[in-house]
mmCIF file of all heavy atoms, coordinates in Angstrom:
data_MODEL
# 
_entry.id   MODEL 
# 
loop_
_atom_site.group_PDB 
_atom_site.id 
_atom_site.type_symbol 
_atom_site.label_atom_id 
_atom_site.label_alt_id 
_atom_site.label_comp_id 
_atom_site.label_asym_id 
_atom_site.label_entity_id 
_atom_site.label_seq_id 
_atom_site.pdbx_PDB_ins_code 
_atom_site.Cartn_x 
_atom_site.Cartn_y 
_atom_site.Cartn_z 
_atom_site.occupancy 
_atom_site.B_iso_or_equiv 
_atom_site.pdbx_formal_charge 
_atom_site.auth_seq_id 
_atom_site.auth_comp_id 
_atom_site.auth_asym_id 
_atom_site.auth_atom_id 
_atom_site.pdbx_PDB_model_num 
ATOM 1   N N   . ARG A 1 1  ? 110.766 52.599 164.291 1.00 0.00 ? 1  ARG A N   1 
ATOM 2   C CA  . ARG A 1 1  ? 109.829 52.073 163.286 1.00 0.00 ? 1  ARG A CA  1 
ATOM 3   C C   . ARG A 1 1  ? 110.113 52.708 161.928 1.00 0.00 ? 1  ARG A C   1 
ATOM 4   O O   . ARG A 1 1  ? 110.210 52.022 160.901 1.00 0.00 ? 1  ARG A O   1 
ATOM 5   C CB  . ARG A 1 1  ? 108.389 52.362 163.711 1.00 0.00 ? 1  ARG A CB  1 
ATOM 6   C CG  . ARG A 1 1  ? 107.329 51.911 162.711 1.00 0.00 ? 1  ARG A CG  1 
ATOM 7   C CD  . ARG A 1 1  ? 107.236 50.397 162.653 1.00 0.00 ? 1  ARG A CD  1 
ATOM 8   N NE  . ARG A 1 1  ? 106.234 49.937 161.709 1.00 0.00 ? 1  ARG A NE  1 
ATOM 9   C CZ  . ARG A 1 1  ? 105.854 48.679 161.593 1.00 0.00 ? 1  ARG A CZ  1 
ATOM 10  N NH1 . ARG A 1 1  ? 106.384 47.755 162.366 1.00 0.00 ? 1  ARG A NH1 1 
ATOM 11  N NH2 . ARG A 1 1  ? 104.943 48.317 160.710 1.00 0.00 ? 1  ARG A NH2 1 
ATOM 12  N N   . GLN A 1 2  ? 110.231 54.021 161.938 1.00 0.00 ? 2  GLN A N   1 
ATOM 13  C CA  . GLN A 1 2  ? 110.487 54.759 160.695 1.00 0.00 ? 2  GLN A CA  1 
ATOM 14  C C   . GLN A 1 2  ? 111.803 54.336 160.060 1.00 0.00 ? 2  GLN A C   1 
ATOM 15  O O   . GLN A 1 2  ? 111.882 54.078 158.859 1.00 0.00 ? 2  GLN A O   1 
ATOM 16  C CB  . GLN A 1 2  ? 110.510 56.252 161.022 1.00 0.00 ? 2  GLN A CB  1 
ATOM 17  C CG  . GLN A 1 2  ? 110.857 57.169 159.876 1.00 0.00 ? 2  GLN A CG  1 
ATOM 18  C CD  . GLN A 1 2  ? 110.815 58.622 160.317 1.00 0.00 ? 2  GLN A CD  1 
ATOM 19  O OE1 . GLN A 1 2  ? 109.769 59.137 160.670 1.00 0.00 ? 2  GLN A OE1 1 
ATOM 20  N NE2 . GLN A 1 2  ? 111.965 59.285 160.303 1.00 0.00 ? 2  GLN A NE2 1 
ATOM 21  N N   . LYS A 1 3  ? 112.854 54.243 160.872 1.00 0.00 ? 3  LYS A N   1 
ATOM 22  C CA  . LYS A 1 3  ? 114.168 53.885 160.350 1.00 0.00 ? 3  LYS A CA  1 
ATOM 23  C C   . LYS A 1 3  ? 114.207 52.437 159.868 1.00 0.00 ? 3  LYS A C   1 
ATOM 24  O O   . LYS A 1 3  ? 114.914 52.119 158.896 1.00 0.00 ? 3  LYS A O   1 
ATOM 25  C CB  . LYS A 1 3  ? 115.235 54.130 161.419 1.00 0.00 ? 3  LYS A CB  1 
ATOM 26  C CG  . LYS A 1 3  ? 115.449 55.602 161.716 1.00 0.00 ? 3  LYS A CG  1 
ATOM 27  C CD  . LYS A 1 3  ? 116.451 55.815 162.839 1.00 0.00 ? 3  LYS A CD  1 
ATOM 28  C CE  . LYS A 1 3  ? 116.599 57.284 163.186 1.00 0.00 ? 3  LYS A CE  1 
ATOM 29  N NZ  . LYS A 1 3  ? 117.533 57.513 164.310 1.00 0.00 ? 3  LYS A NZ  1 
ATOM 30  N N   . ALA A 1 4  ? 113.455 51.562 160.521 1.00 0.00 ? 4  ALA A N   1 
ATOM 31  C CA  . ALA A 1 4  ? 113.396 50.166 160.077 1.00 0.00 ? 4  ALA A CA  1 
ATOM 32  C C   . ALA A 1 4  ? 112.822 50.078 158.665 1.00 0.00 ? 4  ALA A C   1 
ATOM 33  O O   . ALA A 1 4  ? 113.322 49.334 157.812 1.00 0.00 ? 4  ALA A O   1 
ATOM 34  C CB  . ALA A 1 4  ? 112.554 49.337 161.050 1.00 0.00 ? 4  ALA A CB  1 
ATOM 35  N N   . VAL A 1 5  ? 111.777 50.859 158.415 1.00 0.00 ? 5  VAL A N   1 
ATOM 36  C CA  . VAL A 1 5  ? 111.174 50.899 157.070 1.00 0.00 ? 5  VAL A CA  1 
ATOM 37  C C   . VAL A 1 5  ? 112.184 51.438 156.064 1.00 0.00 ? 5  VAL A C   1 
ATOM 38  O O   . VAL A 1 5  ? 112.357 50.885 154.966 1.00 0.00 ? 5  VAL A O   1 
ATOM 39  C CB  . VAL A 1 5  ? 109.901 51.778 157.084 1.00 0.00 ? 5  VAL A CB  1 
ATOM 40  C CG1 . VAL A 1 5  ? 109.395 52.005 155.655 1.00 0.00 ? 5  VAL A CG1 1 
ATOM 41  C CG2 . VAL A 1 5  ? 108.817 51.144 157.940 1.00 0.00 ? 5  VAL A CG2 1 
ATOM 42  N N   . TYR A 1 6  ? 112.877 52.522 156.427 1.00 0.00 ? 6  TYR A N   1 
ATOM 43  C CA  . TYR A 1 6  ? 113.855 53.139 155.526 1.00 0.00 ? 6  TYR A CA  1 
ATOM 44  C C   . TYR A 1 6  ? 114.996 52.172 155.189 1.00 0.00 ? 6  TYR A C   1 
ATOM 45  O O   . TYR A 1 6  ? 115.419 52.071 154.037 1.00 0.00 ? 6  TYR A O   1 
ATOM 46  C CB  . TYR A 1 6  ? 114.453 54.394 156.162 1.00 0.00 ? 6  TYR A CB  1 
ATOM 47  C CG  . TYR A 1 6  ? 113.513 55.555 156.330 1.00 0.00 ? 6  TYR A CG  1 
ATOM 48  C CD1 . TYR A 1 6  ? 113.858 56.641 157.146 1.00 0.00 ? 6  TYR A CD1 1 
ATOM 49  C CD2 . TYR A 1 6  ? 112.273 55.589 155.692 1.00 0.00 ? 6  TYR A CD2 1 
ATOM 50  C CE1 . TYR A 1 6  ? 113.003 57.719 157.304 1.00 0.00 ? 6  TYR A CE1 1 
ATOM 51  C CE2 . TYR A 1 6  ? 111.410 56.655 155.856 1.00 0.00 ? 6  TYR A CE2 1 
ATOM 52  C CZ  . TYR A 1 6  ? 111.783 57.731 156.664 1.00 0.00 ? 6  TYR A CZ  1 
ATOM 53  O OH  . TYR A 1 6  ? 110.942 58.803 156.824 1.00 0.00 ? 6  TYR A OH  1 
ATOM 54  N N   . ILE A 1 7  ? 115.502 51.489 156.209 1.00 0.00 ? 7  ILE A N   1 
ATOM 55  C CA  . ILE A 1 7  ? 116.627 50.572 156.003 1.00 0.00 ? 7  ILE A CA  1 
ATOM 56  C C   . ILE A 1 7  ? 116.235 49.413 155.097 1.00 0.00 ? 7  ILE A C   1 
ATOM 57  O O   . ILE A 1 7  ? 116.958 49.068 154.148 1.00 0.00 ? 7  ILE A O   1 
ATOM 58  C CB  . ILE A 1 7  ? 117.161 50.057 157.360 1.00 0.00 ? 7  ILE A CB  1 
ATOM 59  C CG1 . ILE A 1 7  ? 117.869 51.203 158.101 1.00 0.00 ? 7  ILE A CG1 1 
ATOM 60  C CG2 . ILE A 1 7  ? 118.103 48.869 157.172 1.00 0.00 ? 7  ILE A CG2 1 
ATOM 61  C CD1 . ILE A 1 7  ? 118.171 50.892 159.558 1.00 0.00 ? 7  ILE A CD1 1 
ATOM 62  N N   . LYS A 1 8  ? 115.090 48.819 155.367 1.00 0.00 ? 8  LYS A N   1 
ATOM 63  C CA  . LYS A 1 8  ? 114.633 47.697 154.540 1.00 0.00 ? 8  LYS A CA  1 
ATOM 64  C C   . LYS A 1 8  ? 114.406 48.155 153.100 1.00 0.00 ? 8  LYS A C   1 
ATOM 65  O O   . LYS A 1 8  ? 114.800 47.473 152.143 1.00 0.00 ? 8  LYS A O   1 
ATOM 66  C CB  . LYS A 1 8  ? 113.355 47.092 155.120 1.00 0.00 ? 8  LYS A CB  1 
ATOM 67  C CG  . LYS A 1 8  ? 112.893 45.825 154.392 1.00 0.00 ? 8  LYS A CG  1 
ATOM 68  C CD  . LYS A 1 8  ? 111.733 45.167 155.104 1.00 0.00 ? 8  LYS A CD  1 
ATOM 69  C CE  . LYS A 1 8  ? 111.215 43.966 154.323 1.00 0.00 ? 8  LYS A CE  1 
ATOM 70  N NZ  . LYS A 1 8  ? 112.198 42.860 154.251 1.00 0.00 ? 8  LYS A NZ  1 
ATOM 71  N N   . GLU A 1 9  ? 113.800 49.324 152.933 1.00 0.00 ? 9  GLU A N   1 
ATOM 72  C CA  . GLU A 1 9  ? 113.568 49.873 151.596 1.00 0.00 ? 9  GLU A CA  1 
ATOM 73  C C   . GLU A 1 9  ? 114.886 50.104 150.862 1.00 0.00 ? 9  GLU A C   1 
ATOM 74  O O   . GLU A 1 9  ? 115.034 49.755 149.689 1.00 0.00 ? 9  GLU A O   1 
ATOM 75  C CB  . GLU A 1 9  ? 112.799 51.198 151.720 1.00 0.00 ? 9  GLU A CB  1 
ATOM 76  C CG  . GLU A 1 9  ? 112.692 52.007 150.437 1.00 0.00 ? 9  GLU A CG  1 
ATOM 77  C CD  . GLU A 1 9  ? 111.733 51.424 149.414 1.00 0.00 ? 9  GLU A CD  1 
ATOM 78  O OE1 . GLU A 1 9  ? 110.968 50.500 149.776 1.00 0.00 ? 9  GLU A OE1 1 
ATOM 79  O OE2 . GLU A 1 9  ? 111.757 51.881 148.257 1.00 0.00 ? 9  GLU A OE2 1 
ATOM 80  N N   . ALA A 1 10 ? 115.851 50.699 151.557 1.00 0.00 ? 10 ALA A N   1 
ATOM 81  C CA  . ALA A 1 10 ? 117.149 51.003 150.930 1.00 0.00 ? 10 ALA A CA  1 
ATOM 82  C C   . ALA A 1 10 ? 117.857 49.720 150.500 1.00 0.00 ? 10 ALA A C   1 
ATOM 83  O O   . ALA A 1 10 ? 118.363 49.625 149.371 1.00 0.00 ? 10 ALA A O   1 
ATOM 84  C CB  . ALA A 1 10 ? 118.023 51.796 151.904 1.00 0.00 ? 10 ALA A CB  1 
ATOM 85  N N   . LEU A 1 11 ? 117.917 48.746 151.383 1.00 0.00 ? 11 LEU A N   1 
ATOM 86  C CA  . LEU A 1 11 ? 118.609 47.500 151.068 1.00 0.00 ? 11 LEU A CA  1 
ATOM 87  C C   . LEU A 1 11 ? 117.960 46.779 149.889 1.00 0.00 ? 11 LEU A C   1 
ATOM 88  O O   . LEU A 1 11 ? 118.654 46.260 148.998 1.00 0.00 ? 11 LEU A O   1 
ATOM 89  C CB  . LEU A 1 11 ? 118.641 46.586 152.297 1.00 0.00 ? 11 LEU A CB  1 
ATOM 90  C CG  . LEU A 1 11 ? 119.434 47.118 153.504 1.00 0.00 ? 11 LEU A CG  1 
ATOM 91  C CD1 . LEU A 1 11 ? 119.339 46.147 154.678 1.00 0.00 ? 11 LEU A CD1 1 
ATOM 92  C CD2 . LEU A 1 11 ? 120.902 47.366 153.142 1.00 0.00 ? 11 LEU A CD2 1 
ATOM 93  N N   . ASN A 1 12 ? 116.641 46.769 149.869 1.00 0.00 ? 12 ASN A N   1 
ATOM 94  C CA  . ASN A 1 12 ? 115.954 46.082 148.771 1.00 0.00 ? 12 ASN A CA  1 
ATOM 95  C C   . ASN A 1 12 ? 116.087 46.826 147.448 1.00 0.00 ? 12 ASN A C   1 
ATOM 96  O O   . ASN A 1 12 ? 116.174 46.196 146.388 1.00 0.00 ? 12 ASN A O   1 
ATOM 97  C CB  . ASN A 1 12 ? 114.490 45.839 149.134 1.00 0.00 ? 12 ASN A CB  1 
ATOM 98  C CG  . ASN A 1 12 ? 114.319 44.629 150.044 1.00 0.00 ? 12 ASN A CG  1 
ATOM 99  O OD1 . ASN A 1 12 ? 114.357 43.490 149.596 1.00 0.00 ? 12 ASN A OD1 1 
ATOM 100 N ND2 . ASN A 1 12 ? 114.165 44.877 151.334 1.00 0.00 ? 12 ASN A ND2 1 
ATOM 101 N N   . ARG A 1 13 ? 116.136 48.164 147.502 1.00 0.00 ? 13 ARG A N   1 
ATOM 102 C CA  . ARG A 1 13 ? 116.358 48.933 146.273 1.00 0.00 ? 13 ARG A CA  1 
ATOM 103 C C   . ARG A 1 13 ? 117.730 48.632 145.684 1.00 0.00 ? 13 ARG A C   1 
ATOM 104 O O   . ARG A 1 13 ? 117.891 48.507 144.468 1.00 0.00 ? 13 ARG A O   1 
ATOM 105 C CB  . ARG A 1 13 ? 116.244 50.431 146.571 1.00 0.00 ? 13 ARG A CB  1 
ATOM 106 C CG  . ARG A 1 13 ? 114.843 50.978 146.580 1.00 0.00 ? 13 ARG A CG  1 
ATOM 107 C CD  . ARG A 1 13 ? 114.217 51.056 145.190 1.00 0.00 ? 13 ARG A CD  1 
ATOM 108 N NE  . ARG A 1 13 ? 115.010 51.874 144.287 1.00 0.00 ? 13 ARG A NE  1 
ATOM 109 C CZ  . ARG A 1 13 ? 114.992 53.199 144.256 1.00 0.00 ? 13 ARG A CZ  1 
ATOM 110 N NH1 . ARG A 1 13 ? 114.207 53.877 145.085 1.00 0.00 ? 13 ARG A NH1 1 
ATOM 111 N NH2 . ARG A 1 13 ? 115.739 53.865 143.404 1.00 0.00 ? 13 ARG A NH2 1 
ATOM 112 N N   . ILE A 1 14 ? 118.728 48.523 146.544 1.00 0.00 ? 14 ILE A N   1 
ATOM 113 C CA  . ILE A 1 14 ? 120.088 48.235 146.077 1.00 0.00 ? 14 ILE A CA  1 
ATOM 114 C C   . ILE A 1 14 ? 120.146 46.840 145.455 1.00 0.00 ? 14 ILE A C   1 
ATOM 115 O O   . ILE A 1 14 ? 120.726 46.638 144.383 1.00 0.00 ? 14 ILE A O   1 
ATOM 116 C CB  . ILE A 1 14 ? 121.098 48.364 147.234 1.00 0.00 ? 14 ILE A CB  1 
ATOM 117 C CG1 . ILE A 1 14 ? 121.145 49.808 147.726 1.00 0.00 ? 14 ILE A CG1 1 
ATOM 118 C CG2 . ILE A 1 14 ? 122.492 47.922 146.779 1.00 0.00 ? 14 ILE A CG2 1 
ATOM 119 C CD1 . ILE A 1 14 ? 121.833 49.972 149.076 1.00 0.00 ? 14 ILE A CD1 1 
ATOM 120 N N   . ILE A 1 15 ? 119.532 45.875 146.117 1.00 0.00 ? 15 ILE A N   1 
ATOM 121 C CA  . ILE A 1 15 ? 119.521 44.500 145.602 1.00 0.00 ? 15 ILE A CA  1 
ATOM 122 C C   . ILE A 1 15 ? 118.788 44.436 144.264 1.00 0.00 ? 15 ILE A C   1 
ATOM 123 O O   . ILE A 1 15 ? 119.231 43.770 143.313 1.00 0.00 ? 15 ILE A O   1 
ATOM 124 C CB  . ILE A 1 15 ? 118.885 43.543 146.627 1.00 0.00 ? 15 ILE A CB  1 
ATOM 125 C CG1 . ILE A 1 15 ? 119.807 43.391 147.852 1.00 0.00 ? 15 ILE A CG1 1 
ATOM 126 C CG2 . ILE A 1 15 ? 118.610 42.175 145.999 1.00 0.00 ? 15 ILE A CG2 1 
ATOM 127 C CD1 . ILE A 1 15 ? 119.189 42.643 149.011 1.00 0.00 ? 15 ILE A CD1 1 
ATOM 128 N N   . GLU A 1 16 ? 117.644 45.135 144.161 1.00 0.00 ? 16 GLU A N   1 
ATOM 129 C CA  . GLU A 1 16 ? 116.889 45.154 142.904 1.00 0.00 ? 16 GLU A CA  1 
ATOM 130 C C   . GLU A 1 16 ? 117.727 45.743 141.770 1.00 0.00 ? 16 GLU A C   1 
ATOM 131 O O   . GLU A 1 16 ? 117.664 45.281 140.628 1.00 0.00 ? 16 GLU A O   1 
ATOM 132 C CB  . GLU A 1 16 ? 115.607 45.979 143.082 1.00 0.00 ? 16 GLU A CB  1 
ATOM 133 C CG  . GLU A 1 16 ? 114.545 45.296 143.915 1.00 0.00 ? 16 GLU A CG  1 
ATOM 134 C CD  . GLU A 1 16 ? 113.416 46.256 144.292 1.00 0.00 ? 16 GLU A CD  1 
ATOM 135 O OE1 . GLU A 1 16 ? 113.372 47.372 143.715 1.00 0.00 ? 16 GLU A OE1 1 
ATOM 136 O OE2 . GLU A 1 16 ? 112.606 45.899 145.155 1.00 0.00 ? 16 GLU A OE2 1 
ATOM 137 N N   . HIS A 1 17 ? 118.509 46.752 142.093 1.00 0.00 ? 17 HIS A N   1 
ATOM 138 C CA  . HIS A 1 17 ? 119.311 47.433 141.071 1.00 0.00 ? 17 HIS A CA  1 
ATOM 139 C C   . HIS A 1 17 ? 120.554 46.643 140.690 1.00 0.00 ? 17 HIS A C   1 
ATOM 140 O O   . HIS A 1 17 ? 120.923 46.570 139.522 1.00 0.00 ? 17 HIS A O   1 
ATOM 141 C CB  . HIS A 1 17 ? 119.714 48.823 141.576 1.00 0.00 ? 17 HIS A CB  1 
ATOM 142 C CG  . HIS A 1 17 ? 120.442 49.662 140.568 1.00 0.00 ? 17 HIS A CG  1 
ATOM 143 N ND1 . HIS A 1 17 ? 121.805 49.598 140.383 1.00 0.00 ? 17 HIS A ND1 1 
ATOM 144 C CD2 . HIS A 1 17 ? 119.991 50.574 139.665 1.00 0.00 ? 17 HIS A CD2 1 
ATOM 145 C CE1 . HIS A 1 17 ? 122.158 50.440 139.432 1.00 0.00 ? 17 HIS A CE1 1 
ATOM 146 N NE2 . HIS A 1 17 ? 121.087 51.048 138.982 1.00 0.00 ? 17 HIS A NE2 1 
ATOM 147 N N   . GLN A 1 18 ? 121.198 46.045 141.711 1.00 0.00 ? 18 GLN A N   1 
ATOM 148 C CA  . GLN A 1 18 ? 122.519 45.442 141.507 1.00 0.00 ? 18 GLN A CA  1 
ATOM 149 C C   . GLN A 1 18 ? 122.533 43.920 141.519 1.00 0.00 ? 18 GLN A C   1 
ATOM 150 O O   . GLN A 1 18 ? 123.461 43.305 141.031 1.00 0.00 ? 18 GLN A O   1 
ATOM 151 C CB  . GLN A 1 18 ? 123.467 45.914 142.627 1.00 0.00 ? 18 GLN A CB  1 
ATOM 152 C CG  . GLN A 1 18 ? 124.044 47.297 142.432 1.00 0.00 ? 18 GLN A CG  1 
ATOM 153 C CD  . GLN A 1 18 ? 124.925 47.372 141.215 1.00 0.00 ? 18 GLN A CD  1 
ATOM 154 O OE1 . GLN A 1 18 ? 124.489 47.868 140.181 1.00 0.00 ? 18 GLN A OE1 1 
ATOM 155 N NE2 . GLN A 1 18 ? 126.147 46.896 141.296 1.00 0.00 ? 18 GLN A NE2 1 
ATOM 156 N N   . GLY A 1 19 ? 121.535 43.347 142.169 1.00 0.00 ? 19 GLY A N   1 
ATOM 157 C CA  . GLY A 1 19 ? 121.553 41.888 142.347 1.00 0.00 ? 19 GLY A CA  1 
ATOM 158 C C   . GLY A 1 19 ? 122.258 41.481 143.619 1.00 0.00 ? 19 GLY A C   1 
ATOM 159 O O   . GLY A 1 19 ? 122.243 40.310 144.007 1.00 0.00 ? 19 GLY A O   1 
ATOM 160 N N   . ASP A 1 20 ? 122.905 42.441 144.263 1.00 0.00 ? 20 ASP A N   1 
ATOM 161 C CA  . ASP A 1 20 ? 123.545 42.193 145.553 1.00 0.00 ? 20 ASP A CA  1 
ATOM 162 C C   . ASP A 1 20 ? 123.620 43.521 146.306 1.00 0.00 ? 20 ASP A C   1 
ATOM 163 O O   . ASP A 1 20 ? 123.179 44.561 145.811 1.00 0.00 ? 20 ASP A O   1 
ATOM 164 C CB  . ASP A 1 20 ? 124.945 41.587 145.377 1.00 0.00 ? 20 ASP A CB  1 
ATOM 165 C CG  . ASP A 1 20 ? 125.882 42.496 144.571 1.00 0.00 ? 20 ASP A CG  1 
ATOM 166 O OD1 . ASP A 1 20 ? 125.615 43.714 144.471 1.00 0.00 ? 20 ASP A OD1 1 
ATOM 167 O OD2 . ASP A 1 20 ? 126.889 41.997 144.050 1.00 0.00 ? 20 ASP A OD2 1 
ATOM 168 N N   . LEU A 1 21 ? 124.184 43.468 147.514 1.00 0.00 ? 21 LEU A N   1 
ATOM 169 C CA  . LEU A 1 21 ? 124.263 44.677 148.333 1.00 0.00 ? 21 LEU A CA  1 
ATOM 170 C C   . LEU A 1 21 ? 125.575 45.410 148.077 1.00 0.00 ? 21 LEU A C   1 
ATOM 171 O O   . LEU A 1 21 ? 126.482 45.413 148.907 1.00 0.00 ? 21 LEU A O   1 
ATOM 172 C CB  . LEU A 1 21 ? 124.116 44.328 149.820 1.00 0.00 ? 21 LEU A CB  1 
ATOM 173 C CG  . LEU A 1 21 ? 122.683 44.196 150.324 1.00 0.00 ? 21 LEU A CG  1 
ATOM 174 C CD1 . LEU A 1 21 ? 122.655 43.835 151.799 1.00 0.00 ? 21 LEU A CD1 1 
ATOM 175 C CD2 . LEU A 1 21 ? 121.895 45.482 150.083 1.00 0.00 ? 21 LEU A CD2 1 
ATOM 176 N N   . SER A 1 22 ? 125.659 46.023 146.926 1.00 0.00 ? 22 SER A N   1 
ATOM 177 C CA  . SER A 1 22 ? 126.855 46.790 146.574 1.00 0.00 ? 22 SER A CA  1 
ATOM 178 C C   . SER A 1 22 ? 126.452 48.157 146.033 1.00 0.00 ? 22 SER A C   1 
ATOM 179 O O   . SER A 1 22 ? 125.556 48.265 145.200 1.00 0.00 ? 22 SER A O   1 
ATOM 180 C CB  . SER A 1 22 ? 127.664 46.037 145.515 1.00 0.00 ? 22 SER A CB  1 
ATOM 181 O OG  . SER A 1 22 ? 128.696 46.863 145.011 1.00 0.00 ? 22 SER A OG  1 
ATOM 182 N N   . LEU A 1 23 ? 127.128 49.183 146.521 1.00 0.00 ? 23 LEU A N   1 
ATOM 183 C CA  . LEU A 1 23 ? 126.903 50.544 146.025 1.00 0.00 ? 23 LEU A CA  1 
ATOM 184 C C   . LEU A 1 23 ? 128.091 51.045 145.218 1.00 0.00 ? 23 LEU A C   1 
ATOM 185 O O   . LEU A 1 23 ? 128.164 52.232 144.889 1.00 0.00 ? 23 LEU A O   1 
ATOM 186 C CB  . LEU A 1 23 ? 126.641 51.502 147.190 1.00 0.00 ? 23 LEU A CB  1 
ATOM 187 C CG  . LEU A 1 23 ? 125.238 51.489 147.807 1.00 0.00 ? 23 LEU A CG  1 
ATOM 188 C CD1 . LEU A 1 23 ? 125.201 52.386 149.043 1.00 0.00 ? 23 LEU A CD1 1 
ATOM 189 C CD2 . LEU A 1 23 ? 124.191 51.945 146.795 1.00 0.00 ? 23 LEU A CD2 1 
ATOM 190 N N   . GLY A 1 24 ? 129.003 50.156 144.891 1.00 0.00 ? 24 GLY A N   1 
ATOM 191 C CA  . GLY A 1 24 ? 130.214 50.563 144.189 1.00 0.00 ? 24 GLY A CA  1 
ATOM 192 C C   . GLY A 1 24 ? 129.952 51.272 142.875 1.00 0.00 ? 24 GLY A C   1 
ATOM 193 O O   . GLY A 1 24 ? 130.755 52.110 142.441 1.00 0.00 ? 24 GLY A O   1 
ATOM 194 N N   . PHE A 1 25 ? 128.810 50.978 142.240 1.00 0.00 ? 25 PHE A N   1 
ATOM 195 C CA  . PHE A 1 25 ? 128.497 51.595 140.950 1.00 0.00 ? 25 PHE A CA  1 
ATOM 196 C C   . PHE A 1 25 ? 128.368 53.113 141.062 1.00 0.00 ? 25 PHE A C   1 
ATOM 197 O O   . PHE A 1 25 ? 128.579 53.837 140.085 1.00 0.00 ? 25 PHE A O   1 
ATOM 198 C CB  . PHE A 1 25 ? 127.203 51.004 140.373 1.00 0.00 ? 25 PHE A CB  1 
ATOM 199 C CG  . PHE A 1 25 ? 125.962 51.323 141.166 1.00 0.00 ? 25 PHE A CG  1 
ATOM 200 C CD1 . PHE A 1 25 ? 125.177 52.416 140.831 1.00 0.00 ? 25 PHE A CD1 1 
ATOM 201 C CD2 . PHE A 1 25 ? 125.591 50.528 142.243 1.00 0.00 ? 25 PHE A CD2 1 
ATOM 202 C CE1 . PHE A 1 25 ? 124.031 52.719 141.554 1.00 0.00 ? 25 PHE A CE1 1 
ATOM 203 C CE2 . PHE A 1 25 ? 124.441 50.820 142.974 1.00 0.00 ? 25 PHE A CE2 1 
ATOM 204 C CZ  . PHE A 1 25 ? 123.665 51.912 142.633 1.00 0.00 ? 25 PHE A CZ  1 
ATOM 205 N N   . LEU A 1 26 ? 128.047 53.628 142.253 1.00 0.00 ? 26 LEU A N   1 
ATOM 206 C CA  . LEU A 1 26 ? 127.874 55.071 142.420 1.00 0.00 ? 26 LEU A CA  1 
ATOM 207 C C   . LEU A 1 26 ? 129.175 55.837 142.197 1.00 0.00 ? 26 LEU A C   1 
ATOM 208 O O   . LEU A 1 26 ? 129.154 57.013 141.829 1.00 0.00 ? 26 LEU A O   1 
ATOM 209 C CB  . LEU A 1 26 ? 127.336 55.386 143.818 1.00 0.00 ? 26 LEU A CB  1 
ATOM 210 C CG  . LEU A 1 26 ? 125.896 54.958 144.106 1.00 0.00 ? 26 LEU A CG  1 
ATOM 211 C CD1 . LEU A 1 26 ? 125.549 55.263 145.555 1.00 0.00 ? 26 LEU A CD1 1 
ATOM 212 C CD2 . LEU A 1 26 ? 124.910 55.645 143.162 1.00 0.00 ? 26 LEU A CD2 1 
ATOM 213 N N   . GLN A 1 27 ? 130.286 55.175 142.416 1.00 0.00 ? 27 GLN A N   1 
ATOM 214 C CA  . GLN A 1 27 ? 131.589 55.833 142.252 1.00 0.00 ? 27 GLN A CA  1 
ATOM 215 C C   . GLN A 1 27 ? 131.835 56.232 140.795 1.00 0.00 ? 27 GLN A C   1 
ATOM 216 O O   . GLN A 1 27 ? 132.633 57.145 140.526 1.00 0.00 ? 27 GLN A O   1 
ATOM 217 C CB  . GLN A 1 27 ? 132.703 54.916 142.746 1.00 0.00 ? 27 GLN A CB  1 
ATOM 218 C CG  . GLN A 1 27 ? 133.993 55.643 143.049 1.00 0.00 ? 27 GLN A CG  1 
ATOM 219 C CD  . GLN A 1 27 ? 134.881 54.831 143.970 1.00 0.00 ? 27 GLN A CD  1 
ATOM 220 O OE1 . GLN A 1 27 ? 134.751 53.609 144.075 1.00 0.00 ? 27 GLN A OE1 1 
ATOM 221 N NE2 . GLN A 1 27 ? 135.796 55.501 144.645 1.00 0.00 ? 27 GLN A NE2 1 
ATOM 222 N N   . ASP A 1 28 ? 131.165 55.560 139.871 1.00 0.00 ? 28 ASP A N   1 
ATOM 223 C CA  . ASP A 1 28 ? 131.335 55.863 138.454 1.00 0.00 ? 28 ASP A CA  1 
ATOM 224 C C   . ASP A 1 28 ? 130.351 56.918 137.951 1.00 0.00 ? 28 ASP A C   1 
ATOM 225 O O   . ASP A 1 28 ? 130.434 57.345 136.810 1.00 0.00 ? 28 ASP A O   1 
ATOM 226 C CB  . ASP A 1 28 ? 131.170 54.578 137.628 1.00 0.00 ? 28 ASP A CB  1 
ATOM 227 C CG  . ASP A 1 28 ? 132.219 53.533 137.980 1.00 0.00 ? 28 ASP A CG  1 
ATOM 228 O OD1 . ASP A 1 28 ? 133.361 53.937 138.260 1.00 0.00 ? 28 ASP A OD1 1 
ATOM 229 O OD2 . ASP A 1 28 ? 131.883 52.343 137.980 1.00 0.00 ? 28 ASP A OD2 1 
ATOM 230 N N   . PHE A 1 29 ? 129.429 57.327 138.836 1.00 0.00 ? 29 PHE A N   1 
ATOM 231 C CA  . PHE A 1 29 ? 128.436 58.332 138.452 1.00 0.00 ? 29 PHE A CA  1 
ATOM 232 C C   . PHE A 1 29 ? 128.991 59.737 138.657 1.00 0.00 ? 29 PHE A C   1 
ATOM 233 O O   . PHE A 1 29 ? 129.783 59.970 139.569 1.00 0.00 ? 29 PHE A O   1 
ATOM 234 C CB  . PHE A 1 29 ? 127.184 58.197 139.323 1.00 0.00 ? 29 PHE A CB  1 
ATOM 235 C CG  . PHE A 1 29 ? 126.251 57.072 138.958 1.00 0.00 ? 29 PHE A CG  1 
ATOM 236 C CD1 . PHE A 1 29 ? 126.612 56.102 138.045 1.00 0.00 ? 29 PHE A CD1 1 
ATOM 237 C CD2 . PHE A 1 29 ? 125.009 56.984 139.553 1.00 0.00 ? 29 PHE A CD2 1 
ATOM 238 C CE1 . PHE A 1 29 ? 125.757 55.066 137.734 1.00 0.00 ? 29 PHE A CE1 1 
ATOM 239 C CE2 . PHE A 1 29 ? 124.137 55.955 139.256 1.00 0.00 ? 29 PHE A CE2 1 
ATOM 240 C CZ  . PHE A 1 29 ? 124.509 54.997 138.336 1.00 0.00 ? 29 PHE A CZ  1 
# 
């Protein structure tokens, strides 16, 4: 239950930030 909440939260945060499911921008940080 806990991990399901975490996964959904993480995926939606990435989409909100990027518009898609990509974390490639972190490589430039």
